[in-house]
N, C-alpha and C. Protein backbone atom coordinates (compact mmCIF):
# COMPACT_ATOMS: atom_id res chain seq x y z
N MET A 1 -65.38 108.73 124.17
CA MET A 1 -64.42 109.84 124.07
C MET A 1 -63.04 109.25 123.94
N THR A 2 -62.32 109.70 122.96
CA THR A 2 -60.98 109.19 122.71
C THR A 2 -59.95 110.09 123.34
N LEU A 3 -59.03 109.46 124.06
CA LEU A 3 -57.94 110.22 124.67
C LEU A 3 -56.83 110.38 123.65
N VAL A 4 -56.33 111.55 123.58
CA VAL A 4 -55.25 111.85 122.65
C VAL A 4 -54.03 112.29 123.45
N THR A 5 -52.91 111.67 123.21
CA THR A 5 -51.67 112.03 123.90
C THR A 5 -50.89 112.99 123.06
N ALA A 6 -50.62 114.12 123.64
CA ALA A 6 -49.87 115.14 122.89
C ALA A 6 -48.40 114.80 122.93
N SER A 7 -47.73 114.88 121.78
CA SER A 7 -46.30 114.60 121.73
C SER A 7 -45.52 115.81 122.18
N ALA A 8 -44.43 115.56 122.94
CA ALA A 8 -43.60 116.65 123.45
C ALA A 8 -42.77 117.21 122.32
N PRO A 9 -42.46 118.49 122.37
CA PRO A 9 -41.62 119.08 121.32
C PRO A 9 -40.24 118.46 121.35
N ARG A 10 -39.70 118.28 120.16
CA ARG A 10 -38.38 117.64 120.04
C ARG A 10 -37.30 118.62 120.49
N PRO A 11 -36.42 118.21 121.40
CA PRO A 11 -35.40 119.13 121.91
C PRO A 11 -34.38 119.43 120.84
N SER A 12 -33.84 120.63 120.92
CA SER A 12 -32.78 121.00 120.00
C SER A 12 -31.50 120.27 120.38
N ARG A 13 -30.53 120.25 119.44
CA ARG A 13 -29.25 119.59 119.70
C ARG A 13 -28.54 120.22 120.89
N ARG A 14 -28.64 121.56 120.98
CA ARG A 14 -27.96 122.24 122.08
C ARG A 14 -28.56 121.85 123.42
N HIS A 15 -29.88 121.80 123.49
CA HIS A 15 -30.53 121.39 124.74
C HIS A 15 -30.24 119.94 125.07
N PHE A 16 -30.15 119.09 124.06
CA PHE A 16 -29.86 117.67 124.28
C PHE A 16 -28.47 117.50 124.89
N LEU A 17 -27.47 118.19 124.34
CA LEU A 17 -26.10 118.09 124.87
C LEU A 17 -26.03 118.66 126.28
N ALA A 18 -26.75 119.76 126.51
CA ALA A 18 -26.75 120.35 127.85
C ALA A 18 -27.33 119.39 128.87
N GLY A 19 -28.37 118.64 128.46
CA GLY A 19 -28.96 117.67 129.37
C GLY A 19 -28.01 116.54 129.70
N LEU A 20 -27.26 116.07 128.70
CA LEU A 20 -26.29 115.01 128.94
C LEU A 20 -25.21 115.46 129.91
N ILE A 21 -24.70 116.67 129.72
CA ILE A 21 -23.65 117.18 130.60
C ILE A 21 -24.17 117.33 132.02
N ALA A 22 -25.37 117.87 132.15
CA ALA A 22 -25.95 118.06 133.49
C ALA A 22 -26.16 116.72 134.18
N GLY A 23 -26.63 115.72 133.39
CA GLY A 23 -26.83 114.40 133.98
C GLY A 23 -25.55 113.77 134.44
N SER A 24 -24.48 113.91 133.65
CA SER A 24 -23.19 113.34 134.01
C SER A 24 -22.65 113.97 135.26
N VAL A 25 -22.75 115.29 135.35
CA VAL A 25 -22.27 115.97 136.54
C VAL A 25 -23.07 115.55 137.76
N GLY A 26 -24.39 115.42 137.58
CA GLY A 26 -25.23 115.02 138.70
C GLY A 26 -24.85 113.64 139.22
N GLN A 27 -24.58 112.68 138.29
CA GLN A 27 -24.19 111.35 138.72
C GLN A 27 -22.86 111.37 139.43
N SER A 28 -21.91 112.21 138.97
CA SER A 28 -20.60 112.28 139.60
C SER A 28 -20.72 112.80 141.01
N VAL A 29 -21.53 113.84 141.20
CA VAL A 29 -21.69 114.40 142.53
C VAL A 29 -22.38 113.40 143.45
N THR A 30 -23.38 112.70 142.93
CA THR A 30 -24.10 111.73 143.74
C THR A 30 -23.20 110.56 144.13
N GLY A 31 -22.37 110.07 143.19
CA GLY A 31 -21.54 108.91 143.46
C GLY A 31 -20.35 109.22 144.33
N CYS A 32 -19.96 110.48 144.41
CA CYS A 32 -18.78 110.86 145.19
C CYS A 32 -19.26 111.47 146.50
N GLY A 33 -19.82 110.61 147.40
CA GLY A 33 -20.33 111.09 148.66
C GLY A 33 -19.20 111.40 149.63
N LEU A 34 -19.55 111.99 150.74
CA LEU A 34 -18.56 112.32 151.76
C LEU A 34 -18.01 111.04 152.37
N ILE A 35 -16.70 110.97 152.55
CA ILE A 35 -16.04 109.81 153.13
C ILE A 35 -15.79 110.10 154.60
N GLY A 36 -16.26 109.22 155.47
CA GLY A 36 -16.10 109.42 156.89
C GLY A 36 -14.69 109.10 157.35
N PRO A 37 -14.39 109.30 158.63
CA PRO A 37 -13.05 109.01 159.15
C PRO A 37 -12.77 107.51 159.12
N PRO A 38 -11.52 107.11 159.00
CA PRO A 38 -11.19 105.69 158.99
C PRO A 38 -11.51 105.07 160.35
N PRO A 39 -11.75 103.76 160.40
CA PRO A 39 -12.06 103.12 161.69
C PRO A 39 -10.87 103.19 162.64
N ARG A 40 -11.15 103.30 163.91
CA ARG A 40 -10.10 103.26 164.93
C ARG A 40 -9.54 101.84 164.98
N GLN A 41 -8.24 101.74 165.10
CA GLN A 41 -7.59 100.43 165.12
C GLN A 41 -7.07 100.10 166.51
N PHE A 42 -7.22 98.83 166.88
CA PHE A 42 -6.78 98.36 168.18
C PHE A 42 -5.91 97.12 168.01
N THR A 43 -4.97 96.95 168.91
CA THR A 43 -4.19 95.73 168.95
C THR A 43 -4.13 95.26 170.39
N LEU A 44 -3.61 94.07 170.60
CA LEU A 44 -3.51 93.50 171.94
C LEU A 44 -2.04 93.27 172.26
N ARG A 45 -1.74 92.92 173.51
CA ARG A 45 -0.36 92.83 173.97
C ARG A 45 0.08 91.38 174.12
N PRO A 46 1.36 91.10 173.83
CA PRO A 46 1.89 89.77 174.13
C PRO A 46 2.07 89.60 175.64
N VAL A 47 2.19 88.37 176.06
CA VAL A 47 2.46 88.09 177.47
C VAL A 47 3.92 88.45 177.74
N ALA A 48 4.16 89.17 178.84
CA ALA A 48 5.52 89.63 179.14
C ALA A 48 6.07 89.05 180.44
N ASP A 49 5.21 88.67 181.36
CA ASP A 49 5.67 88.19 182.66
C ASP A 49 5.52 86.67 182.75
N PHE A 50 6.62 86.01 183.10
CA PHE A 50 6.62 84.55 183.23
C PHE A 50 7.35 84.14 184.50
N PRO A 51 7.01 82.96 185.03
CA PRO A 51 7.73 82.49 186.22
C PRO A 51 9.22 82.34 185.94
N HIS A 52 10.04 82.67 186.92
CA HIS A 52 11.49 82.59 186.74
C HIS A 52 11.98 81.16 186.67
N GLU A 53 11.17 80.22 187.14
CA GLU A 53 11.62 78.83 187.16
C GLU A 53 11.44 78.10 185.83
N LEU A 54 10.94 78.78 184.81
CA LEU A 54 10.82 78.13 183.51
C LEU A 54 12.21 77.76 183.00
N PRO A 55 12.43 76.47 182.68
CA PRO A 55 13.78 76.05 182.28
C PRO A 55 14.08 76.46 180.84
N PRO A 56 15.32 76.77 180.52
CA PRO A 56 15.69 77.01 179.12
C PRO A 56 15.67 75.71 178.33
N VAL A 57 15.41 75.80 177.04
CA VAL A 57 15.37 74.62 176.18
C VAL A 57 16.29 74.85 174.99
N LYS A 58 16.64 73.77 174.31
CA LYS A 58 17.54 73.87 173.16
C LYS A 58 16.82 73.66 171.83
N TRP A 59 15.53 73.39 171.88
CA TRP A 59 14.81 73.14 170.63
C TRP A 59 14.18 74.42 170.10
N SER A 60 13.94 74.43 168.80
CA SER A 60 13.34 75.59 168.13
C SER A 60 11.85 75.34 167.91
N LEU A 61 11.12 76.44 167.75
CA LEU A 61 9.66 76.37 167.60
C LEU A 61 9.21 77.30 166.49
N VAL A 62 8.38 76.78 165.61
CA VAL A 62 7.72 77.58 164.58
C VAL A 62 6.22 77.57 164.85
N ILE A 63 5.59 78.72 164.73
CA ILE A 63 4.17 78.87 165.07
C ILE A 63 3.39 79.21 163.81
N ASP A 64 2.42 78.37 163.48
CA ASP A 64 1.60 78.58 162.30
C ASP A 64 0.47 79.56 162.64
N GLU A 65 -0.06 80.22 161.61
CA GLU A 65 -1.21 81.10 161.82
C GLU A 65 -2.43 80.24 162.16
N PRO A 66 -3.16 80.58 163.22
CA PRO A 66 -4.34 79.78 163.58
C PRO A 66 -5.38 79.75 162.46
N THR A 67 -6.03 78.63 162.32
CA THR A 67 -7.21 78.57 161.46
C THR A 67 -8.38 79.15 162.23
N ALA A 68 -9.40 79.59 161.51
CA ALA A 68 -10.56 80.21 162.17
C ALA A 68 -11.74 80.19 161.22
N ALA A 69 -12.92 80.19 161.81
CA ALA A 69 -14.14 80.30 161.01
C ALA A 69 -14.19 81.68 160.34
N ARG A 70 -14.92 81.75 159.27
CA ARG A 70 -14.92 82.97 158.45
C ARG A 70 -15.37 84.19 159.23
N GLN A 71 -16.32 84.03 160.17
CA GLN A 71 -16.87 85.19 160.84
C GLN A 71 -15.86 85.86 161.77
N ILE A 72 -14.79 85.14 162.18
CA ILE A 72 -13.76 85.77 163.00
C ILE A 72 -12.43 85.87 162.27
N ASP A 73 -12.35 85.34 161.05
CA ASP A 73 -11.14 85.49 160.24
C ASP A 73 -11.21 86.84 159.53
N THR A 74 -11.18 87.90 160.32
CA THR A 74 -11.37 89.26 159.83
C THR A 74 -10.74 90.22 160.82
N SER A 75 -10.53 91.45 160.38
CA SER A 75 -10.03 92.47 161.30
C SER A 75 -11.16 93.13 162.08
N ARG A 76 -12.38 92.83 161.75
CA ARG A 76 -13.52 93.42 162.45
C ARG A 76 -13.74 92.70 163.79
N ILE A 77 -14.25 93.43 164.77
CA ILE A 77 -14.46 92.88 166.12
C ILE A 77 -15.85 92.28 166.18
N ALA A 78 -15.90 90.98 166.37
CA ALA A 78 -17.15 90.24 166.25
C ALA A 78 -17.98 90.31 167.53
N LEU A 79 -19.28 90.41 167.34
CA LEU A 79 -20.26 90.41 168.43
C LEU A 79 -21.35 89.42 168.08
N MET A 80 -21.48 88.37 168.90
CA MET A 80 -22.53 87.39 168.67
C MET A 80 -23.82 87.87 169.31
N SER A 81 -24.84 88.11 168.48
CA SER A 81 -26.13 88.60 168.97
C SER A 81 -27.08 87.45 169.28
N GLY A 82 -26.58 86.28 169.38
CA GLY A 82 -27.35 85.07 169.62
C GLY A 82 -26.52 83.89 169.15
N PRO A 83 -27.07 82.70 169.23
CA PRO A 83 -26.28 81.53 168.84
C PRO A 83 -25.96 81.47 167.35
N PHE A 84 -26.72 82.20 166.54
CA PHE A 84 -26.55 82.08 165.08
C PHE A 84 -26.26 83.40 164.37
N GLN A 85 -26.40 84.53 165.05
CA GLN A 85 -26.25 85.82 164.38
C GLN A 85 -24.99 86.52 164.83
N VAL A 86 -24.19 86.95 163.86
CA VAL A 86 -22.95 87.66 164.17
C VAL A 86 -23.04 89.09 163.63
N GLU A 87 -22.62 90.03 164.45
CA GLU A 87 -22.54 91.43 164.07
C GLU A 87 -21.12 91.92 164.33
N TYR A 88 -20.84 93.15 163.96
CA TYR A 88 -19.50 93.69 164.15
C TYR A 88 -19.60 95.12 164.69
N TYR A 89 -18.68 95.47 165.55
CA TYR A 89 -18.65 96.83 166.08
C TYR A 89 -18.36 97.81 164.94
N ALA A 90 -19.07 98.91 164.95
CA ALA A 90 -18.89 99.91 163.89
C ALA A 90 -17.70 100.80 164.19
N ASP A 91 -16.99 101.20 163.13
CA ASP A 91 -15.94 102.22 163.19
C ASP A 91 -14.71 101.80 163.99
N VAL A 92 -14.56 100.50 164.28
CA VAL A 92 -13.36 100.01 164.97
C VAL A 92 -12.95 98.69 164.33
N GLU A 93 -11.66 98.37 164.45
CA GLU A 93 -11.17 97.11 163.92
C GLU A 93 -9.83 96.78 164.56
N TRP A 94 -9.42 95.51 164.44
CA TRP A 94 -8.09 95.12 164.87
C TRP A 94 -7.09 95.61 163.81
N THR A 95 -5.81 95.67 164.17
CA THR A 95 -4.80 96.11 163.23
C THR A 95 -4.52 95.06 162.15
N ASP A 96 -4.97 93.83 162.37
CA ASP A 96 -4.83 92.76 161.38
C ASP A 96 -5.99 91.81 161.59
N SER A 97 -6.09 90.80 160.75
CA SER A 97 -7.13 89.80 161.00
C SER A 97 -6.85 89.13 162.35
N ALA A 98 -7.88 88.65 163.00
CA ALA A 98 -7.70 88.05 164.32
C ALA A 98 -6.69 86.90 164.32
N PRO A 99 -6.74 85.94 163.36
CA PRO A 99 -5.74 84.86 163.37
C PRO A 99 -4.31 85.38 163.18
N ALA A 100 -4.10 86.33 162.26
CA ALA A 100 -2.76 86.86 162.04
C ALA A 100 -2.25 87.59 163.28
N MET A 101 -3.13 88.34 163.95
CA MET A 101 -2.73 89.05 165.16
C MET A 101 -2.37 88.08 166.27
N VAL A 102 -3.16 87.02 166.44
CA VAL A 102 -2.89 86.03 167.48
C VAL A 102 -1.58 85.30 167.20
N GLN A 103 -1.31 84.98 165.94
CA GLN A 103 -0.04 84.33 165.61
C GLN A 103 1.15 85.21 166.02
N LEU A 104 1.11 86.48 165.66
CA LEU A 104 2.20 87.39 166.01
C LEU A 104 2.36 87.50 167.52
N LEU A 105 1.25 87.59 168.25
CA LEU A 105 1.31 87.72 169.70
C LEU A 105 1.84 86.44 170.36
N LEU A 106 1.51 85.29 169.79
CA LEU A 106 2.07 84.04 170.31
C LEU A 106 3.58 83.99 170.11
N VAL A 107 4.04 84.38 168.92
CA VAL A 107 5.48 84.42 168.66
C VAL A 107 6.17 85.35 169.65
N GLN A 108 5.64 86.55 169.80
CA GLN A 108 6.25 87.52 170.71
C GLN A 108 6.22 87.03 172.16
N SER A 109 5.14 86.37 172.55
CA SER A 109 5.03 85.87 173.93
C SER A 109 6.05 84.77 174.19
N PHE A 110 6.21 83.82 173.25
CA PHE A 110 7.23 82.79 173.41
C PHE A 110 8.63 83.41 173.45
N GLN A 111 8.85 84.42 172.62
CA GLN A 111 10.15 85.10 172.65
C GLN A 111 10.38 85.79 173.98
N ASN A 112 9.33 86.31 174.58
CA ASN A 112 9.47 87.03 175.84
C ASN A 112 9.86 86.12 177.00
N THR A 113 9.68 84.81 176.85
CA THR A 113 10.12 83.90 177.92
C THR A 113 11.64 83.89 178.03
N GLY A 114 12.35 84.14 176.92
CA GLY A 114 13.80 84.10 176.93
C GLY A 114 14.36 82.70 177.11
N ARG A 115 13.53 81.69 176.86
CA ARG A 115 13.96 80.31 177.13
C ARG A 115 14.21 79.50 175.87
N LEU A 116 13.77 80.01 174.71
CA LEU A 116 13.93 79.27 173.46
C LEU A 116 14.95 79.98 172.57
N PRO A 117 15.84 79.23 171.94
CA PRO A 117 16.82 79.87 171.06
C PRO A 117 16.20 80.44 169.80
N VAL A 118 15.16 79.79 169.27
CA VAL A 118 14.52 80.25 168.03
C VAL A 118 13.02 80.09 168.16
N VAL A 119 12.30 81.19 167.92
CA VAL A 119 10.83 81.17 167.80
C VAL A 119 10.49 82.02 166.59
N ALA A 120 9.71 81.48 165.67
CA ALA A 120 9.42 82.21 164.44
C ALA A 120 8.08 81.79 163.88
N PRO A 121 7.46 82.65 163.05
CA PRO A 121 6.24 82.25 162.33
C PRO A 121 6.59 81.37 161.14
N THR A 122 5.62 80.64 160.64
CA THR A 122 5.87 79.70 159.55
C THR A 122 6.30 80.40 158.26
N ARG A 123 5.93 81.64 158.05
CA ARG A 123 6.28 82.31 156.80
C ARG A 123 7.79 82.51 156.64
N GLN A 124 8.56 82.35 157.72
CA GLN A 124 10.00 82.47 157.60
C GLN A 124 10.66 81.18 157.12
N THR A 125 9.88 80.11 156.99
CA THR A 125 10.34 78.83 156.42
C THR A 125 11.66 78.35 157.02
N LEU A 126 11.73 78.34 158.33
CA LEU A 126 12.93 77.86 159.00
C LEU A 126 12.78 76.37 159.31
N ALA A 127 13.90 75.66 159.30
CA ALA A 127 13.89 74.29 159.81
C ALA A 127 13.65 74.36 161.32
N THR A 128 12.82 73.48 161.83
CA THR A 128 12.43 73.59 163.23
C THR A 128 12.32 72.21 163.87
N ASP A 129 12.39 72.20 165.19
CA ASP A 129 12.20 70.95 165.94
C ASP A 129 10.74 70.69 166.23
N PHE A 130 9.98 71.77 166.48
CA PHE A 130 8.57 71.62 166.81
C PHE A 130 7.75 72.65 166.04
N LEU A 131 6.52 72.27 165.71
CA LEU A 131 5.57 73.15 165.03
C LEU A 131 4.31 73.24 165.87
N LEU A 132 3.87 74.47 166.13
CA LEU A 132 2.64 74.68 166.90
C LEU A 132 1.52 75.07 165.95
N LEU A 133 0.51 74.19 165.87
CA LEU A 133 -0.70 74.46 165.10
C LEU A 133 -1.82 74.83 166.07
N SER A 134 -2.77 75.63 165.61
CA SER A 134 -3.87 76.00 166.49
C SER A 134 -5.10 76.35 165.68
N ASN A 135 -6.21 76.29 166.36
CA ASN A 135 -7.50 76.69 165.79
C ASN A 135 -8.11 77.72 166.73
N LEU A 136 -8.41 78.89 166.19
CA LEU A 136 -9.04 79.94 166.97
C LEU A 136 -10.55 79.71 166.93
N ARG A 137 -11.05 79.01 167.94
CA ARG A 137 -12.46 78.61 167.93
C ARG A 137 -13.38 79.79 168.23
N LYS A 138 -12.97 80.64 169.15
CA LYS A 138 -13.77 81.82 169.47
C LYS A 138 -12.84 83.00 169.70
N PHE A 139 -13.25 84.15 169.17
CA PHE A 139 -12.56 85.41 169.40
C PHE A 139 -13.62 86.49 169.20
N GLN A 140 -14.49 86.61 170.20
CA GLN A 140 -15.72 87.37 170.00
C GLN A 140 -16.31 87.82 171.33
N VAL A 141 -17.22 88.78 171.23
CA VAL A 141 -18.03 89.17 172.38
C VAL A 141 -19.33 88.38 172.31
N GLU A 142 -19.71 87.79 173.43
CA GLU A 142 -20.95 87.04 173.51
C GLU A 142 -21.50 87.17 174.92
N ASN A 143 -22.77 86.87 175.10
CA ASN A 143 -23.41 86.99 176.40
C ASN A 143 -23.30 85.69 177.18
N ASP A 144 -23.11 85.81 178.50
CA ASP A 144 -23.12 84.63 179.35
C ASP A 144 -24.56 84.25 179.68
N ALA A 145 -24.74 83.32 180.61
CA ALA A 145 -26.08 82.82 180.92
C ALA A 145 -26.98 83.91 181.50
N THR A 146 -26.38 84.95 182.12
CA THR A 146 -27.18 86.03 182.71
C THR A 146 -27.39 87.19 181.74
N GLY A 147 -26.86 87.07 180.53
CA GLY A 147 -27.00 88.14 179.54
C GLY A 147 -25.92 89.19 179.62
N THR A 148 -24.88 88.95 180.43
CA THR A 148 -23.78 89.90 180.55
C THR A 148 -22.76 89.66 179.44
N PRO A 149 -22.36 90.70 178.71
CA PRO A 149 -21.39 90.48 177.63
C PRO A 149 -20.01 90.12 178.17
N GLN A 150 -19.30 89.30 177.42
CA GLN A 150 -17.96 88.89 177.80
C GLN A 150 -17.12 88.68 176.55
N ALA A 151 -15.84 88.94 176.67
CA ALA A 151 -14.89 88.71 175.59
C ALA A 151 -14.37 87.29 175.73
N THR A 152 -14.73 86.44 174.77
CA THR A 152 -14.40 85.01 174.85
C THR A 152 -13.33 84.65 173.83
N VAL A 153 -12.30 83.98 174.32
CA VAL A 153 -11.21 83.49 173.47
C VAL A 153 -11.03 82.01 173.73
N ILE A 154 -11.08 81.21 172.66
CA ILE A 154 -10.82 79.77 172.76
C ILE A 154 -9.80 79.40 171.70
N ILE A 155 -8.73 78.77 172.14
CA ILE A 155 -7.69 78.27 171.23
C ILE A 155 -7.49 76.79 171.48
N GLU A 156 -7.55 76.01 170.41
CA GLU A 156 -7.19 74.60 170.48
C GLU A 156 -5.81 74.45 169.83
N ALA A 157 -4.84 73.99 170.60
CA ALA A 157 -3.46 73.96 170.13
C ALA A 157 -2.96 72.53 170.02
N THR A 158 -2.14 72.29 168.99
CA THR A 158 -1.51 70.98 168.78
C THR A 158 -0.03 71.19 168.51
N LEU A 159 0.81 70.47 169.26
CA LEU A 159 2.25 70.55 169.09
C LEU A 159 2.73 69.32 168.31
N LEU A 160 3.47 69.56 167.24
CA LEU A 160 3.97 68.48 166.39
C LEU A 160 5.49 68.44 166.44
N LYS A 161 6.03 67.21 166.50
CA LYS A 161 7.48 67.01 166.42
C LYS A 161 7.86 66.89 164.96
N MET A 162 8.79 67.73 164.56
CA MET A 162 9.23 67.75 163.17
C MET A 162 10.47 66.87 162.99
N PRO A 163 10.74 66.37 161.79
CA PRO A 163 10.06 66.69 160.53
C PRO A 163 8.90 65.77 160.19
N ARG A 164 8.65 64.75 161.00
CA ARG A 164 7.60 63.78 160.68
C ARG A 164 6.22 64.26 161.10
N ARG A 165 6.14 65.42 161.72
CA ARG A 165 4.86 65.98 162.18
C ARG A 165 4.14 65.01 163.11
N THR A 166 4.91 64.45 164.03
CA THR A 166 4.37 63.52 165.01
C THR A 166 3.67 64.30 166.11
N PRO A 167 2.38 64.01 166.39
CA PRO A 167 1.67 64.74 167.45
C PRO A 167 2.31 64.49 168.81
N VAL A 168 2.54 65.56 169.54
CA VAL A 168 3.10 65.47 170.89
C VAL A 168 2.03 65.73 171.93
N ALA A 169 1.23 66.76 171.72
CA ALA A 169 0.18 67.10 172.69
C ALA A 169 -0.87 67.96 172.01
N THR A 170 -2.10 67.84 172.49
CA THR A 170 -3.21 68.67 172.04
C THR A 170 -3.99 69.13 173.27
N ALA A 171 -4.36 70.40 173.30
CA ALA A 171 -5.09 70.92 174.45
C ALA A 171 -5.98 72.07 174.00
N ARG A 172 -6.98 72.33 174.81
CA ARG A 172 -7.94 73.42 174.54
C ARG A 172 -7.84 74.42 175.69
N PHE A 173 -7.75 75.70 175.35
CA PHE A 173 -7.61 76.75 176.35
C PHE A 173 -8.69 77.79 176.12
N GLU A 174 -9.36 78.16 177.19
CA GLU A 174 -10.53 79.05 177.07
C GLU A 174 -10.53 80.06 178.20
N LYS A 175 -10.91 81.28 177.86
CA LYS A 175 -11.06 82.33 178.87
C LYS A 175 -12.13 83.31 178.43
N ALA A 176 -13.04 83.66 179.34
CA ALA A 176 -14.07 84.66 179.08
C ALA A 176 -13.96 85.74 180.15
N THR A 177 -13.88 86.98 179.73
CA THR A 177 -13.75 88.12 180.65
C THR A 177 -14.97 89.01 180.51
N LEU A 178 -15.63 89.27 181.63
CA LEU A 178 -16.83 90.10 181.62
C LEU A 178 -16.48 91.53 181.19
N ILE A 179 -17.39 92.15 180.47
CA ILE A 179 -17.22 93.52 179.99
C ILE A 179 -18.12 94.42 180.83
N ASP A 180 -17.51 95.37 181.56
CA ASP A 180 -18.26 96.21 182.49
C ASP A 180 -19.07 97.29 181.78
N ALA A 181 -18.57 97.78 180.67
CA ALA A 181 -19.27 98.85 179.94
C ALA A 181 -19.21 98.55 178.46
N LYS A 182 -19.94 99.35 177.70
CA LYS A 182 -20.05 99.09 176.26
C LYS A 182 -19.04 99.89 175.43
N SER A 183 -18.17 100.65 176.07
CA SER A 183 -17.21 101.42 175.31
C SER A 183 -16.19 100.50 174.64
N THR A 184 -15.64 100.96 173.53
CA THR A 184 -14.68 100.15 172.80
C THR A 184 -13.45 99.86 173.64
N ASP A 185 -13.02 100.81 174.45
CA ASP A 185 -11.83 100.61 175.28
C ASP A 185 -12.03 99.46 176.27
N THR A 186 -13.20 99.37 176.87
CA THR A 186 -13.44 98.28 177.82
C THR A 186 -13.56 96.93 177.10
N VAL A 187 -14.10 96.96 175.87
CA VAL A 187 -14.20 95.72 175.10
C VAL A 187 -12.81 95.19 174.75
N THR A 188 -11.95 96.06 174.24
CA THR A 188 -10.61 95.61 173.87
C THR A 188 -9.78 95.23 175.11
N ALA A 189 -9.99 95.91 176.22
CA ALA A 189 -9.29 95.54 177.45
C ALA A 189 -9.69 94.14 177.91
N ALA A 190 -10.97 93.80 177.75
CA ALA A 190 -11.43 92.46 178.10
C ALA A 190 -10.82 91.42 177.18
N PHE A 191 -10.73 91.71 175.88
CA PHE A 191 -10.05 90.81 174.96
C PHE A 191 -8.59 90.61 175.36
N ASP A 192 -7.93 91.69 175.76
CA ASP A 192 -6.53 91.62 176.16
C ASP A 192 -6.36 90.68 177.35
N THR A 193 -7.27 90.76 178.32
CA THR A 193 -7.20 89.89 179.49
C THR A 193 -7.43 88.43 179.10
N SER A 194 -8.43 88.18 178.28
CA SER A 194 -8.75 86.80 177.89
C SER A 194 -7.62 86.18 177.08
N LEU A 195 -7.10 86.92 176.10
CA LEU A 195 -6.06 86.36 175.25
C LEU A 195 -4.77 86.15 176.02
N ALA A 196 -4.42 87.07 176.92
CA ALA A 196 -3.20 86.90 177.72
C ALA A 196 -3.28 85.64 178.58
N ASP A 197 -4.45 85.38 179.16
CA ASP A 197 -4.63 84.18 179.97
C ASP A 197 -4.46 82.92 179.12
N VAL A 198 -5.09 82.91 177.95
CA VAL A 198 -5.01 81.74 177.08
C VAL A 198 -3.58 81.52 176.59
N MET A 199 -2.92 82.57 176.12
CA MET A 199 -1.56 82.41 175.61
C MET A 199 -0.60 81.99 176.73
N GLY A 200 -0.79 82.51 177.92
CA GLY A 200 0.06 82.09 179.02
C GLY A 200 -0.02 80.60 179.30
N ARG A 201 -1.22 80.05 179.20
CA ARG A 201 -1.39 78.62 179.44
C ARG A 201 -0.87 77.80 178.26
N VAL A 202 -1.00 78.31 177.04
CA VAL A 202 -0.41 77.64 175.89
C VAL A 202 1.11 77.50 176.08
N ILE A 203 1.74 78.59 176.51
CA ILE A 203 3.19 78.57 176.69
C ILE A 203 3.60 77.65 177.83
N ASP A 204 2.86 77.69 178.94
CA ASP A 204 3.17 76.79 180.05
C ASP A 204 3.10 75.33 179.63
């Protein structure tokens, strides 16, 4: 028995054009989905309180933007789900990339000491006596040995004497603050505590 395939009737020009228009409209509606609300943005605070015995200095300081690994060189808030897997909190972000935000907060914190005549970021291209370089090794939520989440900040800082870029000192500063709850507010508050501790020791 031979199977015979019946050919479909050829559409008229009017039906053909109507199909094209309907298809185009359908694609436009499908591609233009509903846009959700923008992510909530968070920032952190510079250090404001310093010991009164800090001596005034006459040298100027320029602070470079910290280098960072790609997974934290972003405005998204990083969550390490293990030693090798990184995730990000949904619907929230920092107001800038983590390195850019830390640079600004370091500048503001040094300015808040009231002890330096000039403190500026490198983008202002000022002549300076000292240059502060740093590497943001960690800026993320990760679990401690007991599985409790914590906001971990690690900065490795190097101070250079200009203009020869002679190394003066290098140090590593680390702080981890436990997170009591999973809400975004408690996460950012823990970051604020960790970063303030690290920046305070950098300045000291």
